[in-house]
C-alpha atoms as a PDB file:
ATOM      1  CA  UNK A   1      92.639  12.181 -33.482  1.00  0.00           C
ATOM      2  CA  UNK A   2      89.847  10.794 -31.484  1.00  0.00           C
ATOM      3  CA  UNK A   3      88.462  14.712 -30.927  1.00  0.00           C
ATOM      4  CA  UNK A   4      87.414  14.103 -27.325  1.00  0.00           C
ATOM      5  CA  UNK A   5      86.093  16.700 -25.798  1.00  0.00           C
ATOM      6  CA  UNK A   6      88.640  18.074 -22.928  1.00  0.00           C
ATOM      7  CA  UNK A   7      91.033  20.879 -22.410  1.00  0.00           C
ATOM      8  CA  UNK A   8      95.113  20.374 -22.746  1.00  0.00           C
ATOM      9  CA  UNK A   9      96.386  23.409 -21.286  1.00  0.00           C
ATOM     10  CA  UNK A  10     100.482  22.862 -21.606  1.00  0.00           C
ATOM     11  CA  UNK A  11     102.596  25.387 -19.280  1.00  0.00           C
ATOM     12  CA  UNK A  12     105.572  25.657 -21.268  1.00  0.00           C
ATOM     13  CA  UNK A  13     108.404  26.356 -20.076  1.00  0.00           C
ATOM     14  CA  UNK A  14     111.260  24.475 -21.863  1.00  0.00           C
ATOM     15  CA  UNK A  15     113.081  23.073 -18.465  1.00  0.00           C
ATOM     16  CA  UNK A  16     112.714  20.431 -16.049  1.00  0.00           C
ATOM     17  CA  UNK A  17     112.522  22.273 -12.761  1.00  0.00           C
ATOM     18  CA  UNK A  18     112.818  18.610 -10.838  1.00  0.00           C
ATOM     19  CA  UNK A  19     116.319  18.058 -12.424  1.00  0.00           C
ATOM     20  CA  UNK A  20     117.475  21.714 -11.436  1.00  0.00           C
ATOM     21  CA  UNK A  21     117.359  22.943 -15.701  1.00  0.00           C
ATOM     22  CA  UNK A  22     117.254  20.048 -17.520  1.00  0.00           C
ATOM     23  CA  UNK A  23     116.103  21.583 -21.061  1.00  0.00           C
ATOM     24  CA  UNK A  24     112.691  19.811 -21.848  1.00  0.00           C
ATOM     25  CA  UNK A  25     111.624  18.384 -25.742  1.00  0.00           C
ATOM     26  CA  UNK A  26     109.991  22.389 -26.083  1.00  0.00           C
ATOM     27  CA  UNK A  27     113.073  23.960 -25.567  1.00  0.00           C
ATOM     28  CA  UNK A  28     114.498  25.692 -28.489  1.00  0.00           C
ATOM     29  CA  UNK A  29     117.315  24.706 -30.442  1.00  0.00           C
ATOM     30  CA  UNK A  30     120.214  27.252 -29.601  1.00  0.00           C
ATOM     31  CA  UNK A  31     118.836  28.222 -26.182  1.00  0.00           C
ATOM     32  CA  UNK A  32     120.652  28.645 -23.098  1.00  0.00           C
ATOM     33  CA  UNK A  33     120.235  27.185 -20.051  1.00  0.00           C
ATOM     34  CA  UNK A  34     120.986  29.299 -16.182  1.00  0.00           C
ATOM     35  CA  UNK A  35     124.679  27.148 -16.382  1.00  0.00           C
ATOM     36  CA  UNK A  36     125.834  28.147 -19.700  1.00  0.00           C
ATOM     37  CA  UNK A  37     125.892  25.488 -21.899  1.00  0.00           C
ATOM     38  CA  UNK A  38     123.244  25.377 -24.895  1.00  0.00           C
ATOM     39  CA  UNK A  39     120.785  22.910 -26.444  1.00  0.00           C
ATOM     40  CA  UNK A  40     121.909  20.815 -29.319  1.00  0.00           C
ATOM     41  CA  UNK A  41     118.383  19.255 -29.969  1.00  0.00           C
ATOM     42  CA  UNK A  42     115.323  21.428 -32.306  1.00  0.00           C
ATOM     43  CA  UNK A  43     112.273  21.660 -30.494  1.00  0.00           C
ATOM     44  CA  UNK A  44     109.045  19.418 -30.106  1.00  0.00           C
ATOM     45  CA  UNK A  45     106.015  22.083 -31.259  1.00  0.00           C
ATOM     46  CA  UNK A  46     102.760  21.721 -29.440  1.00  0.00           C
ATOM     47  CA  UNK A  47     100.938  23.114 -31.401  1.00  0.00           C
ATOM     48  CA  UNK A  48     102.151  22.178 -35.226  1.00  0.00           C
ATOM     49  CA  UNK A  49     101.923  18.719 -33.124  1.00  0.00           C
ATOM     50  CA  UNK A  50      98.828  18.906 -32.009  1.00  0.00           C
ATOM     51  CA  UNK A  51      97.496  21.123 -35.366  1.00  0.00           C
ATOM     52  CA  UNK A  52      99.215  17.579 -37.183  1.00  0.00           C
ATOM     53  CA  UNK A  53      97.160  14.879 -35.100  1.00  0.00           C
ATOM     54  CA  UNK A  54      93.684  16.905 -36.090  1.00  0.00           C
ATOM     55  CA  UNK A  55      92.596  18.683 -32.720  1.00  0.00           C
ATOM     56  CA  UNK A  56      90.646  20.685 -33.060  1.00  0.00           C
ATOM     57  CA  UNK A  57      90.885  23.567 -31.302  1.00  0.00           C
ATOM     58  CA  UNK A  58      94.544  24.828 -31.313  1.00  0.00           C
ATOM     59  CA  UNK A  59      95.972  28.283 -29.431  1.00  0.00           C
ATOM     60  CA  UNK A  60      99.273  29.472 -27.928  1.00  0.00           C
ATOM     61  CA  UNK A  61      99.534  32.708 -25.450  1.00  0.00           C
ATOM     62  CA  UNK A  62     101.981  33.861 -23.275  1.00  0.00           C
ATOM     63  CA  UNK A  63     101.520  34.371 -19.419  1.00  0.00           C
ATOM     64  CA  UNK A  64     102.049  37.761 -19.167  1.00  0.00           C
ATOM     65  CA  UNK A  65      99.351  38.882 -21.446  1.00  0.00           C
ATOM     66  CA  UNK A  66      96.570  38.441 -19.101  1.00  0.00           C
ATOM     67  CA  UNK A  67      93.752  39.503 -21.245  1.00  0.00           C
ATOM     68  CA  UNK A  68      94.924  37.210 -23.909  1.00  0.00           C
ATOM     69  CA  UNK A  69      94.808  33.996 -22.365  1.00  0.00           C
ATOM     70  CA  UNK A  70      91.846  34.864 -20.388  1.00  0.00           C
ATOM     71  CA  UNK A  71      90.231  34.881 -23.481  1.00  0.00           C
ATOM     72  CA  UNK A  72      91.118  31.771 -24.905  1.00  0.00           C
ATOM     73  CA  UNK A  73      90.841  29.608 -21.640  1.00  0.00           C
ATOM     74  CA  UNK A  74      87.255  30.731 -21.908  1.00  0.00           C
ATOM     75  CA  UNK A  75      87.180  30.068 -25.371  1.00  0.00           C
ATOM     76  CA  UNK A  76      88.878  26.185 -25.333  1.00  0.00           C
ATOM     77  CA  UNK A  77      86.264  24.872 -22.693  1.00  0.00           C
ATOM     78  CA  UNK A  78      83.554  26.343 -24.484  1.00  0.00           C
ATOM     79  CA  UNK A  79      84.685  24.360 -28.016  1.00  0.00           C
ATOM     80  CA  UNK A  80      83.099  20.949 -28.295  1.00  0.00           C
ATOM     81  CA  UNK A  81      86.147  18.796 -29.015  1.00  0.00           C
ATOM     82  CA  UNK A  82      89.895  18.793 -28.014  1.00  0.00           C
ATOM     83  CA  UNK A  83      91.207  21.957 -27.402  1.00  0.00           C
ATOM     84  CA  UNK A  84      94.693  22.491 -26.772  1.00  0.00           C
ATOM     85  CA  UNK A  85      96.238  25.866 -25.385  1.00  0.00           C
ATOM     86  CA  UNK A  86      99.847  25.606 -24.877  1.00  0.00           C
ATOM     87  CA  UNK A  87     101.138  29.033 -22.920  1.00  0.00           C
ATOM     88  CA  UNK A  88     104.542  29.859 -22.598  1.00  0.00           C
ATOM     89  CA  UNK A  89     105.513  30.663 -18.825  1.00  0.00           C
ATOM     90  CA  UNK A  90     108.947  31.021 -17.713  1.00  0.00           C
ATOM     91  CA  UNK A  91     110.560  29.586 -15.083  1.00  0.00           C
ATOM     92  CA  UNK A  92     111.512  32.501 -12.740  1.00  0.00           C
ATOM     93  CA  UNK A  93     114.029  29.613 -10.985  1.00  0.00           C
ATOM     94  CA  UNK A  94     115.823  27.938 -13.799  1.00  0.00           C
ATOM     95  CA  UNK A  95     114.967  29.439 -16.934  1.00  0.00           C
ATOM     96  CA  UNK A  96     114.028  33.699 -16.679  1.00  0.00           C
ATOM     97  CA  UNK A  97     117.329  34.171 -17.561  1.00  0.00           C
ATOM     98  CA  UNK A  98     119.769  35.845 -20.728  1.00  0.00           C
ATOM     99  CA  UNK A  99     119.782  33.819 -23.299  1.00  0.00           C
ATOM    100  CA  UNK A 100     116.731  31.668 -22.522  1.00  0.00           C
ATOM    101  CA  UNK A 101     113.884  31.627 -25.109  1.00  0.00           C
ATOM    102  CA  UNK A 102     111.727  31.529 -22.700  1.00  0.00           C
ATOM    103  CA  UNK A 103     112.155  33.910 -20.761  1.00  0.00           C
ATOM    104  CA  UNK A 104     109.686  36.852 -19.634  1.00  0.00           C
ATOM    105  CA  UNK A 105     111.997  39.354 -21.421  1.00  0.00           C
ATOM    106  CA  UNK A 106     112.890  37.141 -24.590  1.00  0.00           C
ATOM    107  CA  UNK A 107     108.904  36.521 -24.764  1.00  0.00           C
ATOM    108  CA  UNK A 108     107.707  39.484 -24.533  1.00  0.00           C
ATOM    109  CA  UNK A 109     110.332  41.056 -27.137  1.00  0.00           C
ATOM    110  CA  UNK A 110     109.479  38.138 -29.886  1.00  0.00           C
ATOM    111  CA  UNK A 111     105.919  37.738 -28.937  1.00  0.00           C
ATOM    112  CA  UNK A 112     103.853  38.375 -31.980  1.00  0.00           C
ATOM    113  CA  UNK A 113      99.905  38.479 -31.254  1.00  0.00           C
ATOM    114  CA  UNK A 114      98.057  37.389 -34.188  1.00  0.00           C
ATOM    115  CA  UNK A 115      94.904  38.605 -33.209  1.00  0.00           C
ATOM    116  CA  UNK A 116      93.031  41.296 -30.251  1.00  0.00           C
ATOM    117  CA  UNK A 117      90.944  38.393 -28.279  1.00  0.00           C
ATOM    118  CA  UNK A 118      87.467  38.784 -26.637  1.00  0.00           C
ATOM    119  CA  UNK A 119      84.927  36.522 -24.975  1.00  0.00           C
ATOM    120  CA  UNK A 120      81.757  36.784 -24.536  1.00  0.00           C
ATOM    121  CA  UNK A 121      79.763  34.418 -23.093  1.00  0.00           C
ATOM    122  CA  UNK A 122      76.285  32.770 -23.852  1.00  0.00           C
ATOM    123  CA  UNK A 123      73.266  35.536 -23.307  1.00  0.00           C
ATOM    124  CA  UNK A 124      76.059  38.126 -22.309  1.00  0.00           C
ATOM    125  CA  UNK A 125      74.717  41.429 -24.122  1.00  0.00           C
ATOM    126  CA  UNK A 126      78.061  43.142 -23.183  1.00  0.00           C
ATOM    127  CA  UNK A 127      80.039  45.470 -25.762  1.00  0.00           C
ATOM    128  CA  UNK A 128      83.874  44.164 -26.489  1.00  0.00           C
ATOM    129  CA  UNK A 129      86.219  47.147 -27.469  1.00  0.00           C
ATOM    130  CA  UNK A 130      87.776  46.656 -30.630  1.00  0.00           C
ATOM    131  CA  UNK A 131      89.713  49.269 -32.758  1.00  0.00           C
ATOM    132  CA  UNK A 132      89.193  49.209 -36.465  1.00  0.00           C
ATOM    133  CA  UNK A 133      90.065  46.120 -38.246  1.00  0.00           C
ATOM    134  CA  UNK A 134      88.539  42.766 -39.792  1.00  0.00           C
ATOM    135  CA  UNK A 135      86.675  41.194 -36.958  1.00  0.00           C
ATOM    136  CA  UNK A 136      85.167  37.658 -37.290  1.00  0.00           C
ATOM    137  CA  UNK A 137      82.739  36.198 -34.280  1.00  0.00           C
ATOM    138  CA  UNK A 138      83.149  32.839 -33.570  1.00  0.00           C
ATOM    139  CA  UNK A 139      79.844  30.812 -32.346  1.00  0.00           C
ATOM    140  CA  UNK A 140      80.995  28.098 -30.109  1.00  0.00           C
ATOM    141  CA  UNK A 141      79.042  25.052 -28.845  1.00  0.00           C
ATOM    142  CA  UNK A 142      77.423  26.529 -26.005  1.00  0.00           C
ATOM    143  CA  UNK A 143      76.063  30.126 -27.664  1.00  0.00           C
ATOM    144  CA  UNK A 144      79.181  31.671 -26.316  1.00  0.00           C
ATOM    145  CA  UNK A 145      81.501  33.646 -28.755  1.00  0.00           C
ATOM    146  CA  UNK A 146      84.899  33.887 -29.233  1.00  0.00           C
ATOM    147  CA  UNK A 147      85.429  37.819 -31.351  1.00  0.00           C
ATOM    148  CA  UNK A 148      88.790  37.477 -33.164  1.00  0.00           C
ATOM    149  CA  UNK A 149      89.906  40.608 -34.910  1.00  0.00           C
ATOM    150  CA  UNK A 150      93.340  40.387 -37.303  1.00  0.00           C
ATOM    151  CA  UNK A 151      96.361  42.550 -35.729  1.00  0.00           C
ATOM    152  CA  UNK A 152      98.131  43.305 -39.300  1.00  0.00           C
ATOM    153  CA  UNK A 153      99.563  39.922 -40.236  1.00  0.00           C
ATOM    154  CA  UNK A 154      97.272  37.952 -43.009  1.00  0.00           C
ATOM    155  CA  UNK A 155      96.652  34.654 -40.839  1.00  0.00           C
ATOM    156  CA  UNK A 156      94.097  32.152 -41.614  1.00  0.00           C
ATOM    157  CA  UNK A 157      93.390  30.248 -38.317  1.00  0.00           C
ATOM    158  CA  UNK A 158      90.928  27.722 -40.612  1.00  0.00           C
ATOM    159  CA  UNK A 159      93.929  26.131 -42.481  1.00  0.00           C
ATOM    160  CA  UNK A 160      95.499  23.326 -40.771  1.00  0.00           C
ATOM    161  CA  UNK A 161      98.353  23.609 -43.534  1.00  0.00           C
ATOM    162  CA  UNK A 162      98.963  27.336 -42.840  1.00  0.00           C
ATOM    163  CA  UNK A 163      98.988  27.701 -39.951  1.00  0.00           C
ATOM    164  CA  UNK A 164     101.933  24.954 -39.770  1.00  0.00           C
ATOM    165  CA  UNK A 165     103.693  26.923 -42.248  1.00  0.00           C
ATOM    166  CA  UNK A 166     103.123  29.859 -40.146  1.00  0.00           C
ATOM    167  CA  UNK A 167     104.706  28.110 -36.945  1.00  0.00           C
ATOM    168  CA  UNK A 168     107.913  27.541 -38.654  1.00  0.00           C
ATOM    169  CA  UNK A 169     108.331  30.819 -40.460  1.00  0.00           C
ATOM    170  CA  UNK A 170     107.984  32.643 -36.864  1.00  0.00           C
ATOM    171  CA  UNK A 171     110.507  30.240 -35.256  1.00  0.00           C
ATOM    172  CA  UNK A 172     112.662  31.210 -38.532  1.00  0.00           C
ATOM    173  CA  UNK A 173     112.835  34.498 -37.120  1.00  0.00           C
ATOM    174  CA  UNK A 174     112.972  34.071 -33.642  1.00  0.00           C
ATOM    175  CA  UNK A 175     109.048  35.153 -33.075  1.00  0.00           C
ATOM    176  CA  UNK A 176     106.293  33.562 -31.556  1.00  0.00           C
ATOM    177  CA  UNK A 177     103.371  33.941 -32.891  1.00  0.00           C
ATOM    178  CA  UNK A 178     100.456  34.037 -30.073  1.00  0.00           C
ATOM    179  CA  UNK A 179      96.560  34.158 -30.279  1.00  0.00           C
ATOM    180  CA  UNK A 180      93.964  31.139 -32.068  1.00  0.00           C
ATOM    181  CA  UNK A 181      96.139  29.237 -34.492  1.00  0.00           C
ATOM    182  CA  UNK A 182      93.322  27.105 -35.289  1.00  0.00           C
ATOM    183  CA  UNK A 183      89.856  26.471 -35.272  1.00  0.00           C
ATOM    184  CA  UNK A 184      87.325  23.820 -37.071  1.00  0.00           C
ATOM    185  CA  UNK A 185      84.092  23.381 -35.827  1.00  0.00           C
ATOM    186  CA  UNK A 186      82.773  21.197 -38.307  1.00  0.00           C
ATOM    187  CA  UNK A 187      84.602  18.028 -36.603  1.00  0.00           C
ATOM    188  CA  UNK A 188      82.627  15.965 -34.617  1.00  0.00           C
ATOM    189  CA  UNK A 189      83.485  15.030 -31.342  1.00  0.00           C
ATOM    190  CA  UNK A 190      84.414  11.389 -29.862  1.00  0.00           C
ATOM    191  CA  UNK A 191      80.595  11.240 -27.972  1.00  0.00           C
ATOM    192  CA  UNK A 192      78.835  12.637 -31.351  1.00  0.00           C
ATOM    193  CA  UNK A 193      81.084   9.931 -33.272  1.00  0.00           C
ATOM    194  CA  UNK A 194      80.981   6.721 -31.024  1.00  0.00           C
ATOM    195  CA  UNK A 195      77.024   8.175 -30.863  1.00  0.00           C
ATOM    196  CA  UNK A 196      76.729   8.564 -27.240  1.00  0.00           C
ATOM    197  CA  UNK A 197      74.288   9.711 -24.864  1.00  0.00           C
ATOM    198  CA  UNK A 198      74.477  13.033 -22.841  1.00  0.00           C
ATOM    199  CA  UNK A 199      73.324  11.122 -19.486  1.00  0.00           C
ATOM    200  CA  UNK A 200      76.894   8.992 -17.563  1.00  0.00           C
ATOM    201  CA  UNK A 201      76.770   6.175 -17.730  1.00  0.00           C
ATOM    202  CA  UNK A 202      77.775   5.989 -13.711  1.00  0.00           C
ATOM    203  CA  UNK A 203      74.113   7.879 -13.258  1.00  0.00           C
ATOM    204  CA  UNK A 204      72.227   5.195 -15.058  1.00  0.00           C
ATOM    205  CA  UNK A 205      70.063   2.440 -13.798  1.00  0.00           C
ATOM    206  CA  UNK A 206      70.001  -1.390 -14.610  1.00  0.00           C
ATOM    207  CA  UNK A 207      66.348  -0.740 -15.547  1.00  0.00           C
ATOM    208  CA  UNK A 208      68.131   2.277 -17.746  1.00  0.00           C
ATOM    209  CA  UNK A 209      70.438   0.015 -19.361  1.00  0.00           C
ATOM    210  CA  UNK A 210      68.376  -3.483 -19.721  1.00  0.00           C
ATOM    211  CA  UNK A 211      66.919  -3.377 -23.622  1.00  0.00           C
ATOM    212  CA  UNK A 212      64.824  -6.305 -22.558  1.00  0.00           C
ATOM    213  CA  UNK A 213      63.886  -9.854 -23.522  1.00  0.00           C
ATOM    214  CA  UNK A 214      62.251  -8.736 -27.126  1.00  0.00           C
ATOM    215  CA  UNK A 215      64.938  -6.263 -28.477  1.00  0.00           C
ATOM    216  CA  UNK A 216      67.413  -9.135 -27.058  1.00  0.00           C
ATOM    217  CA  UNK A 217      65.678 -11.631 -29.285  1.00  0.00           C
ATOM    218  CA  UNK A 218      65.802  -9.839 -32.038  1.00  0.00           C
ATOM    219  CA  UNK A 219      69.527  -9.065 -32.034  1.00  0.00           C
ATOM    220  CA  UNK A 220      70.382 -12.773 -31.443  1.00  0.00           C
ATOM    221  CA  UNK A 221      68.374 -13.704 -34.591  1.00  0.00           C
ATOM    222  CA  UNK A 222      70.312 -10.808 -36.643  1.00  0.00           C
ATOM    223  CA  UNK A 223      73.318 -13.045 -35.963  1.00  0.00           C
ATOM    224  CA  UNK A 224      72.278 -16.332 -37.402  1.00  0.00           C
END
């Protein structure tokens, strides 16, 4: 909600490994545990929750898609504001079996990639290979660019309502949409909203922090 400038990466496998395969809150309804029982509860979708709470960069990827993961992580770190990245990461010990909706095989078969992504660092003069199709460059805060090309499905990553609706529709079809789900570059981050300086407080001296007696006298007078 405060749009703190940080990256939040979720390694989402739908299971609690320390309790030997207990379903986590992100497990899908009806997903099978390794010992055979089904999850009776609906999932908490990390991306839908993040968009609803006001995150300004939300994406989902699959650990089996190395190229997409790398592009999204780089873009998330270049984004100014909170970036939430949900990476479906199959647990090879407790959640990579038949019947699990977080298994490598299931995700690979049901993954619907929204865009082809490429990351271009600031001042890096390279060509990103893209096939024909609608393409847009997103310029991030540090000058780097995320190249986005639609892959068949009409998807608008600037509309939070449509993004959440697409997540729900995909789940109803047992699909997993991956890629850049939502991006809002126009929302000021927490530091800008609070008018904070670029220099960390821990690096400032007493001389930097002392406004002087004249300013303090003027401030005290304003409260009379």
